Amino acid sequence: MNVDQADLRKAFGSFMTGVTVVTTRNGHDQPLGFTANSFTSVSLSPPLVLICIDKSSENLDAFTGAENFAVNILADDQQEISNRFARNVEDRFHDIDWSLSIEGNPIITGAAAFFSCSMHKTVDAGDHVILIGEVQSFSNTDKPGLGYHKGGYFTRSHD
């Protein structure tokens, strides 16, 4: 089947997702991250999550070779952070409040939730690599998450 990739992307965009920033540190201990909406929980026992990274990403080798990574679920007021981590910016962490998890993963301050994971497995999947992480620590807040649908952000405030 010959698929028009633009049409397929548009159809995929019909699925509303949350917005995450996936983080790790490189071999020089510098924080790295990218925006992703391809996140899902996989298992409660053991606690597993997955995220996808494009094979053309400048961070591919750092993430596929990492021993651990974190998934930061962005809060509805963190659209600018999502945009920054989606762009090709030299220091995406400049002027952003963040700290390290117990496992040493960069955690974005103010995120709705985070999952700090050890690398469980990587899976080659077409033009992406699936990173499966085993959750080692996590935190959750009452903040609503940032959403993405049909090429744009949306928020849903809880009263």
N, C-alpha and C. Protein backbone atom coordinates (compact mmCIF):
# COMPACT_ATOMS: atom_id res chain seq x y z
N MET A 1 0.85 -1.18 0.00
CA MET A 1 0.00 0.00 0.00
C MET A 1 0.89 1.24 0.00
N ASN A 2 0.63 2.14 -0.91
CA ASN A 2 1.36 3.40 -0.99
C ASN A 2 0.61 4.44 -0.14
N VAL A 3 1.28 4.96 0.89
CA VAL A 3 0.64 5.86 1.84
C VAL A 3 1.19 7.28 1.66
N ASP A 4 0.28 8.24 1.56
CA ASP A 4 0.68 9.64 1.55
C ASP A 4 1.02 10.03 2.99
N GLN A 5 2.29 10.31 3.25
CA GLN A 5 2.73 10.58 4.62
C GLN A 5 2.09 11.82 5.22
N ALA A 6 1.83 12.83 4.41
CA ALA A 6 1.18 14.05 4.94
C ALA A 6 -0.24 13.73 5.40
N ASP A 7 -0.96 12.93 4.60
CA ASP A 7 -2.32 12.54 4.98
C ASP A 7 -2.31 11.64 6.21
N LEU A 8 -1.34 10.74 6.27
CA LEU A 8 -1.23 9.85 7.42
C LEU A 8 -0.93 10.64 8.69
N ARG A 9 -0.02 11.60 8.61
CA ARG A 9 0.30 12.45 9.77
C ARG A 9 -0.94 13.19 10.23
N LYS A 10 -1.70 13.70 9.29
CA LYS A 10 -2.94 14.43 9.62
C LYS A 10 -3.93 13.51 10.33
N ALA A 11 -4.05 12.28 9.84
CA ALA A 11 -4.96 11.31 10.47
C ALA A 11 -4.46 10.96 11.87
N PHE A 12 -3.16 10.73 12.03
CA PHE A 12 -2.60 10.46 13.36
C PHE A 12 -2.89 11.62 14.30
N GLY A 13 -2.84 12.85 13.79
CA GLY A 13 -3.08 14.04 14.60
C GLY A 13 -4.49 14.16 15.13
N SER A 14 -5.41 13.34 14.62
CA SER A 14 -6.78 13.33 15.13
C SER A 14 -6.87 12.75 16.53
N PHE A 15 -5.84 12.01 16.93
CA PHE A 15 -5.82 11.41 18.26
C PHE A 15 -5.27 12.43 19.25
N MET A 16 -6.06 12.82 20.23
CA MET A 16 -5.62 13.78 21.23
C MET A 16 -4.60 13.11 22.16
N THR A 17 -3.50 13.80 22.40
CA THR A 17 -2.46 13.25 23.26
C THR A 17 -2.02 14.28 24.29
N GLY A 18 -1.31 13.81 25.27
CA GLY A 18 -0.62 14.70 26.19
C GLY A 18 0.72 15.07 25.59
N VAL A 19 1.38 16.02 26.22
CA VAL A 19 2.68 16.49 25.74
C VAL A 19 3.71 16.20 26.82
N THR A 20 4.81 15.60 26.42
CA THR A 20 5.89 15.28 27.36
C THR A 20 7.20 15.86 26.87
N VAL A 21 8.13 16.01 27.80
CA VAL A 21 9.52 16.25 27.46
C VAL A 21 10.30 15.09 28.06
N VAL A 22 11.02 14.39 27.21
CA VAL A 22 11.81 13.23 27.62
C VAL A 22 13.24 13.72 27.83
N THR A 23 13.84 13.34 28.96
CA THR A 23 15.15 13.86 29.32
C THR A 23 16.11 12.75 29.72
N THR A 24 17.39 13.04 29.58
CA THR A 24 18.47 12.20 30.08
C THR A 24 19.70 13.09 30.19
N ARG A 25 20.83 12.49 30.49
CA ARG A 25 22.11 13.22 30.47
C ARG A 25 23.06 12.48 29.55
N ASN A 26 23.89 13.25 28.83
CA ASN A 26 24.84 12.62 27.91
C ASN A 26 26.09 12.18 28.67
N GLY A 27 27.07 11.69 27.96
CA GLY A 27 28.31 11.20 28.56
C GLY A 27 29.12 12.28 29.26
N HIS A 28 28.84 13.54 28.99
CA HIS A 28 29.52 14.67 29.63
C HIS A 28 28.68 15.24 30.76
N ASP A 29 27.64 14.53 31.17
CA ASP A 29 26.75 14.92 32.27
C ASP A 29 25.87 16.12 31.93
N GLN A 30 25.76 16.47 30.66
CA GLN A 30 24.90 17.58 30.24
C GLN A 30 23.48 17.08 30.02
N PRO A 31 22.48 17.85 30.45
CA PRO A 31 21.10 17.42 30.24
C PRO A 31 20.69 17.53 28.77
N LEU A 32 19.91 16.56 28.33
CA LEU A 32 19.36 16.53 26.97
C LEU A 32 17.87 16.30 27.07
N GLY A 33 17.12 16.76 26.08
CA GLY A 33 15.70 16.50 26.08
C GLY A 33 15.05 16.78 24.75
N PHE A 34 13.87 16.21 24.57
CA PHE A 34 13.08 16.47 23.37
C PHE A 34 11.60 16.36 23.72
N THR A 35 10.77 17.07 22.95
CA THR A 35 9.33 17.02 23.13
C THR A 35 8.79 15.78 22.41
N ALA A 36 7.87 15.11 23.07
CA ALA A 36 7.24 13.93 22.46
C ALA A 36 5.79 13.82 22.92
N ASN A 37 4.94 13.38 22.02
CA ASN A 37 3.57 13.08 22.42
C ASN A 37 3.28 11.59 22.24
N SER A 38 4.30 10.82 21.93
CA SER A 38 4.15 9.37 21.76
C SER A 38 4.54 8.66 23.06
N PHE A 39 3.74 8.86 24.08
CA PHE A 39 3.99 8.29 25.41
C PHE A 39 2.81 7.42 25.80
N THR A 40 3.08 6.31 26.44
CA THR A 40 2.00 5.50 26.99
C THR A 40 2.51 4.64 28.14
N SER A 41 1.61 4.33 29.05
CA SER A 41 1.93 3.34 30.07
C SER A 41 1.83 1.98 29.40
N VAL A 42 2.66 1.05 29.84
CA VAL A 42 2.70 -0.28 29.25
C VAL A 42 2.26 -1.34 30.24
N SER A 43 2.76 -1.24 31.49
CA SER A 43 2.52 -2.29 32.47
C SER A 43 2.60 -1.72 33.87
N LEU A 44 1.79 -2.26 34.78
CA LEU A 44 1.88 -1.89 36.19
C LEU A 44 2.86 -2.78 36.94
N SER A 45 3.02 -4.03 36.48
CA SER A 45 3.91 -4.96 37.17
C SER A 45 4.67 -5.79 36.14
N PRO A 46 5.93 -5.44 35.83
CA PRO A 46 6.65 -4.31 36.39
C PRO A 46 6.13 -2.99 35.81
N PRO A 47 6.41 -1.88 36.49
CA PRO A 47 5.93 -0.58 36.00
C PRO A 47 6.74 -0.13 34.78
N LEU A 48 6.11 -0.18 33.60
CA LEU A 48 6.79 0.16 32.35
C LEU A 48 6.04 1.25 31.61
N VAL A 49 6.79 2.13 30.97
CA VAL A 49 6.26 3.16 30.08
C VAL A 49 7.05 3.11 28.78
N LEU A 50 6.48 3.70 27.73
CA LEU A 50 7.24 3.78 26.49
C LEU A 50 7.12 5.17 25.89
N ILE A 51 8.13 5.49 25.12
CA ILE A 51 8.22 6.76 24.41
C ILE A 51 8.91 6.47 23.08
N CYS A 52 8.61 7.23 22.05
CA CYS A 52 9.25 7.02 20.76
C CYS A 52 10.13 8.21 20.41
N ILE A 53 11.29 7.91 19.81
CA ILE A 53 12.20 8.94 19.35
C ILE A 53 12.48 8.72 17.86
N ASP A 54 12.41 9.78 17.10
CA ASP A 54 12.66 9.74 15.66
C ASP A 54 14.12 9.39 15.41
N LYS A 55 14.35 8.52 14.43
CA LYS A 55 15.73 8.12 14.11
C LYS A 55 16.56 9.27 13.57
N SER A 56 15.91 10.33 13.10
CA SER A 56 16.66 11.48 12.60
C SER A 56 17.02 12.47 13.71
N SER A 57 16.61 12.20 14.95
CA SER A 57 16.89 13.10 16.06
C SER A 57 18.38 13.18 16.35
N GLU A 58 18.84 14.38 16.61
CA GLU A 58 20.25 14.58 16.99
C GLU A 58 20.56 13.89 18.32
N ASN A 59 19.53 13.58 19.09
CA ASN A 59 19.70 12.96 20.40
C ASN A 59 19.54 11.43 20.38
N LEU A 60 19.36 10.85 19.21
CA LEU A 60 19.07 9.42 19.12
C LEU A 60 20.11 8.56 19.84
N ASP A 61 21.38 8.75 19.54
CA ASP A 61 22.43 7.92 20.14
C ASP A 61 22.49 8.09 21.65
N ALA A 62 22.33 9.33 22.11
CA ALA A 62 22.39 9.57 23.56
C ALA A 62 21.25 8.86 24.27
N PHE A 63 20.05 8.89 23.69
CA PHE A 63 18.90 8.26 24.35
C PHE A 63 18.92 6.75 24.22
N THR A 64 19.26 6.22 23.04
CA THR A 64 19.27 4.77 22.90
C THR A 64 20.41 4.14 23.69
N GLY A 65 21.45 4.90 23.97
CA GLY A 65 22.57 4.39 24.75
C GLY A 65 22.49 4.72 26.23
N ALA A 66 21.45 5.43 26.64
CA ALA A 66 21.33 5.87 28.04
C ALA A 66 20.93 4.70 28.94
N GLU A 67 21.41 4.75 30.16
CA GLU A 67 21.00 3.75 31.16
C GLU A 67 19.65 4.12 31.76
N ASN A 68 19.30 5.42 31.68
CA ASN A 68 18.03 5.85 32.24
C ASN A 68 17.54 7.11 31.53
N PHE A 69 16.28 7.41 31.74
CA PHE A 69 15.68 8.61 31.17
C PHE A 69 14.45 8.96 31.99
N ALA A 70 13.93 10.16 31.79
CA ALA A 70 12.72 10.58 32.48
C ALA A 70 11.70 11.08 31.47
N VAL A 71 10.44 10.89 31.80
CA VAL A 71 9.33 11.42 31.01
C VAL A 71 8.64 12.46 31.89
N ASN A 72 8.69 13.71 31.46
CA ASN A 72 8.05 14.82 32.16
C ASN A 72 6.74 15.14 31.44
N ILE A 73 5.61 14.92 32.10
CA ILE A 73 4.31 15.27 31.51
C ILE A 73 4.08 16.75 31.78
N LEU A 74 4.06 17.54 30.72
CA LEU A 74 3.99 18.98 30.89
C LEU A 74 2.61 19.42 31.38
N ALA A 75 2.62 20.43 32.24
CA ALA A 75 1.39 21.05 32.74
C ALA A 75 0.83 21.99 31.69
N ASP A 76 -0.42 22.35 31.84
CA ASP A 76 -1.08 23.17 30.82
C ASP A 76 -0.50 24.57 30.66
N ASP A 77 0.35 25.00 31.59
CA ASP A 77 0.99 26.32 31.47
C ASP A 77 2.43 26.20 30.94
N GLN A 78 2.81 25.05 30.39
CA GLN A 78 4.19 24.84 29.95
C GLN A 78 4.33 24.68 28.43
N GLN A 79 3.46 25.35 27.70
CA GLN A 79 3.52 25.28 26.24
C GLN A 79 4.86 25.78 25.70
N GLU A 80 5.40 26.84 26.27
CA GLU A 80 6.69 27.37 25.79
C GLU A 80 7.82 26.36 25.99
N ILE A 81 7.76 25.60 27.08
CA ILE A 81 8.78 24.56 27.30
C ILE A 81 8.65 23.50 26.21
N SER A 82 7.42 23.11 25.88
CA SER A 82 7.22 22.14 24.81
C SER A 82 7.82 22.66 23.50
N ASN A 83 7.53 23.91 23.18
CA ASN A 83 8.06 24.50 21.94
C ASN A 83 9.58 24.53 21.94
N ARG A 84 10.17 24.89 23.05
CA ARG A 84 11.63 24.97 23.12
C ARG A 84 12.27 23.60 22.89
N PHE A 85 11.73 22.57 23.53
CA PHE A 85 12.31 21.24 23.40
C PHE A 85 11.98 20.58 22.06
N ALA A 86 11.04 21.16 21.31
CA ALA A 86 10.72 20.66 19.98
C ALA A 86 11.62 21.28 18.92
N ARG A 87 12.26 22.40 19.23
CA ARG A 87 13.12 23.11 18.28
C ARG A 87 14.56 22.64 18.41
N ASN A 88 15.33 22.96 17.38
CA ASN A 88 16.76 22.67 17.40
C ASN A 88 17.46 23.85 18.07
N VAL A 89 17.51 23.80 19.41
CA VAL A 89 18.11 24.86 20.22
C VAL A 89 19.34 24.27 20.90
N GLU A 90 20.41 25.05 20.95
CA GLU A 90 21.67 24.53 21.51
C GLU A 90 21.52 24.11 22.97
N ASP A 91 20.96 24.96 23.82
CA ASP A 91 20.78 24.62 25.23
C ASP A 91 19.31 24.76 25.59
N ARG A 92 18.59 23.68 25.45
CA ARG A 92 17.16 23.70 25.72
C ARG A 92 16.85 23.94 27.19
N PHE A 93 17.80 23.68 28.07
CA PHE A 93 17.57 23.84 29.51
C PHE A 93 17.89 25.24 30.03
N HIS A 94 18.41 26.12 29.17
CA HIS A 94 18.76 27.48 29.58
C HIS A 94 17.50 28.21 30.07
N ASP A 95 17.59 28.77 31.27
CA ASP A 95 16.49 29.55 31.88
C ASP A 95 15.25 28.72 32.20
N ILE A 96 15.38 27.41 32.29
CA ILE A 96 14.27 26.55 32.70
C ILE A 96 14.62 25.95 34.05
N ASP A 97 13.68 26.01 34.99
CA ASP A 97 13.92 25.41 36.31
C ASP A 97 13.81 23.89 36.19
N TRP A 98 14.84 23.22 36.68
CA TRP A 98 14.84 21.77 36.66
C TRP A 98 15.75 21.26 37.77
N SER A 99 15.60 20.00 38.08
CA SER A 99 16.44 19.36 39.10
C SER A 99 16.70 17.93 38.64
N LEU A 100 17.46 17.20 39.43
CA LEU A 100 17.75 15.80 39.10
C LEU A 100 16.92 14.87 39.97
N SER A 101 16.41 13.83 39.37
CA SER A 101 15.72 12.78 40.13
C SER A 101 16.77 11.99 40.91
N ILE A 102 16.31 11.13 41.78
CA ILE A 102 17.21 10.26 42.54
C ILE A 102 18.11 9.47 41.59
N GLU A 103 17.58 9.12 40.44
CA GLU A 103 18.33 8.34 39.45
C GLU A 103 19.25 9.20 38.58
N GLY A 104 19.19 10.53 38.77
CA GLY A 104 20.05 11.42 38.00
C GLY A 104 19.45 11.93 36.71
N ASN A 105 18.16 11.77 36.53
CA ASN A 105 17.49 12.25 35.33
C ASN A 105 17.00 13.68 35.52
N PRO A 106 17.11 14.53 34.48
CA PRO A 106 16.58 15.89 34.57
C PRO A 106 15.04 15.89 34.67
N ILE A 107 14.55 16.58 35.69
CA ILE A 107 13.11 16.70 35.94
C ILE A 107 12.74 18.17 35.82
N ILE A 108 11.75 18.47 35.00
CA ILE A 108 11.32 19.85 34.77
C ILE A 108 10.39 20.28 35.89
N THR A 109 10.77 21.36 36.56
CA THR A 109 9.97 21.90 37.65
C THR A 109 8.61 22.35 37.13
N GLY A 110 7.58 22.02 37.86
CA GLY A 110 6.23 22.45 37.49
C GLY A 110 5.50 21.50 36.58
N ALA A 111 6.13 20.39 36.20
CA ALA A 111 5.45 19.42 35.34
C ALA A 111 4.26 18.82 36.09
N ALA A 112 3.26 18.38 35.36
CA ALA A 112 2.09 17.76 35.96
C ALA A 112 2.45 16.44 36.64
N ALA A 113 3.42 15.72 36.06
CA ALA A 113 3.91 14.46 36.61
C ALA A 113 5.25 14.16 35.97
N PHE A 114 6.00 13.27 36.58
CA PHE A 114 7.21 12.75 35.93
C PHE A 114 7.38 11.28 36.29
N PHE A 115 8.08 10.58 35.40
CA PHE A 115 8.46 9.20 35.61
C PHE A 115 9.95 9.09 35.34
N SER A 116 10.72 8.73 36.34
CA SER A 116 12.16 8.54 36.18
C SER A 116 12.39 7.04 36.00
N CYS A 117 13.01 6.67 34.90
CA CYS A 117 13.05 5.27 34.48
C CYS A 117 14.47 4.77 34.24
N SER A 118 14.67 3.50 34.46
CA SER A 118 15.85 2.82 33.95
C SER A 118 15.48 2.25 32.58
N MET A 119 16.46 2.17 31.70
CA MET A 119 16.17 1.66 30.36
C MET A 119 15.88 0.16 30.46
N HIS A 120 14.71 -0.24 30.03
CA HIS A 120 14.31 -1.64 30.04
C HIS A 120 14.65 -2.30 28.71
N LYS A 121 14.34 -1.57 27.60
CA LYS A 121 14.54 -2.15 26.28
C LYS A 121 14.37 -1.08 25.23
N THR A 122 15.08 -1.22 24.11
CA THR A 122 14.83 -0.40 22.93
C THR A 122 14.34 -1.31 21.82
N VAL A 123 13.43 -0.78 21.00
CA VAL A 123 12.85 -1.57 19.92
C VAL A 123 12.91 -0.73 18.64
N ASP A 124 13.54 -1.27 17.60
CA ASP A 124 13.57 -0.62 16.30
C ASP A 124 12.17 -0.71 15.70
N ALA A 125 11.63 0.44 15.27
CA ALA A 125 10.26 0.45 14.74
C ALA A 125 10.14 1.47 13.62
N GLY A 126 10.42 1.07 12.41
CA GLY A 126 10.29 1.96 11.26
C GLY A 126 11.24 3.15 11.35
N ASP A 127 10.68 4.36 11.28
CA ASP A 127 11.52 5.56 11.34
C ASP A 127 11.71 6.07 12.77
N HIS A 128 11.30 5.28 13.76
CA HIS A 128 11.48 5.63 15.16
C HIS A 128 12.12 4.47 15.93
N VAL A 129 12.57 4.77 17.13
CA VAL A 129 13.00 3.75 18.08
C VAL A 129 12.11 3.91 19.30
N ILE A 130 11.59 2.80 19.78
CA ILE A 130 10.77 2.81 20.99
C ILE A 130 11.68 2.60 22.19
N LEU A 131 11.60 3.51 23.15
CA LEU A 131 12.33 3.38 24.41
C LEU A 131 11.34 2.89 25.46
N ILE A 132 11.60 1.75 26.03
CA ILE A 132 10.75 1.23 27.10
C ILE A 132 11.52 1.39 28.40
N GLY A 133 10.91 2.09 29.34
CA GLY A 133 11.56 2.36 30.61
C GLY A 133 10.83 1.71 31.77
N GLU A 134 11.61 1.24 32.74
CA GLU A 134 11.02 0.73 33.97
C GLU A 134 11.04 1.86 34.99
N VAL A 135 9.87 2.21 35.47
CA VAL A 135 9.72 3.34 36.39
C VAL A 135 10.42 3.02 37.71
N GLN A 136 11.35 3.91 38.10
CA GLN A 136 12.08 3.78 39.35
C GLN A 136 11.54 4.73 40.41
N SER A 137 11.10 5.91 39.97
CA SER A 137 10.46 6.88 40.86
C SER A 137 9.53 7.74 40.01
N PHE A 138 8.56 8.35 40.67
CA PHE A 138 7.62 9.20 39.94
C PHE A 138 6.99 10.18 40.92
N SER A 139 6.36 11.20 40.35
CA SER A 139 5.62 12.17 41.14
C SER A 139 4.43 12.63 40.30
N ASN A 140 3.35 12.95 40.98
CA ASN A 140 2.13 13.38 40.32
C ASN A 140 1.58 14.59 41.07
N THR A 141 1.04 15.56 40.35
CA THR A 141 0.42 16.73 40.95
C THR A 141 -1.04 16.80 40.52
N ASP A 142 -1.74 17.80 41.00
CA ASP A 142 -3.13 18.01 40.58
C ASP A 142 -3.23 18.91 39.36
N LYS A 143 -2.09 19.33 38.81
CA LYS A 143 -2.11 20.22 37.65
C LYS A 143 -2.65 19.49 36.42
N PRO A 144 -3.50 20.15 35.63
CA PRO A 144 -3.92 19.55 34.37
C PRO A 144 -2.75 19.54 33.38
N GLY A 145 -2.72 18.50 32.56
CA GLY A 145 -1.65 18.38 31.58
C GLY A 145 -1.93 19.18 30.31
N LEU A 146 -0.86 19.42 29.57
CA LEU A 146 -0.94 20.10 28.28
C LEU A 146 -1.32 19.07 27.22
N GLY A 147 -2.26 19.41 26.36
CA GLY A 147 -2.70 18.49 25.32
C GLY A 147 -2.31 18.95 23.93
N TYR A 148 -2.37 18.02 22.98
CA TYR A 148 -2.04 18.30 21.59
C TYR A 148 -3.03 17.58 20.70
N HIS A 149 -3.59 18.31 19.71
CA HIS A 149 -4.60 17.74 18.82
C HIS A 149 -4.61 18.48 17.50
N LYS A 150 -4.53 17.75 16.41
CA LYS A 150 -4.59 18.32 15.06
C LYS A 150 -3.64 19.49 14.87
N GLY A 151 -2.42 19.34 15.35
CA GLY A 151 -1.38 20.34 15.11
C GLY A 151 -1.38 21.51 16.06
N GLY A 152 -2.17 21.47 17.12
CA GLY A 152 -2.19 22.59 18.06
C GLY A 152 -2.36 22.13 19.49
N TYR A 153 -2.00 23.01 20.40
CA TYR A 153 -2.11 22.73 21.83
C TYR A 153 -3.53 22.99 22.31
N PHE A 154 -3.90 22.30 23.37
CA PHE A 154 -5.14 22.61 24.06
C PHE A 154 -4.93 22.34 25.53
N THR A 155 -5.75 22.98 26.36
CA THR A 155 -5.69 22.77 27.80
C THR A 155 -7.08 22.44 28.30
N ARG A 156 -7.11 21.78 29.40
CA ARG A 156 -8.39 21.45 30.04
C ARG A 156 -8.23 21.72 31.52
N SER A 157 -8.79 22.79 31.96
CA SER A 157 -8.70 23.15 33.37
C SER A 157 -9.74 22.39 34.16
N HIS A 158 -9.35 21.93 35.33
CA HIS A 158 -10.27 21.24 36.23
C HIS A 158 -10.73 22.24 37.27
N ASP A 159 -12.03 22.27 37.53
CA ASP A 159 -12.57 23.18 38.55
C ASP A 159 -12.64 22.48 39.89
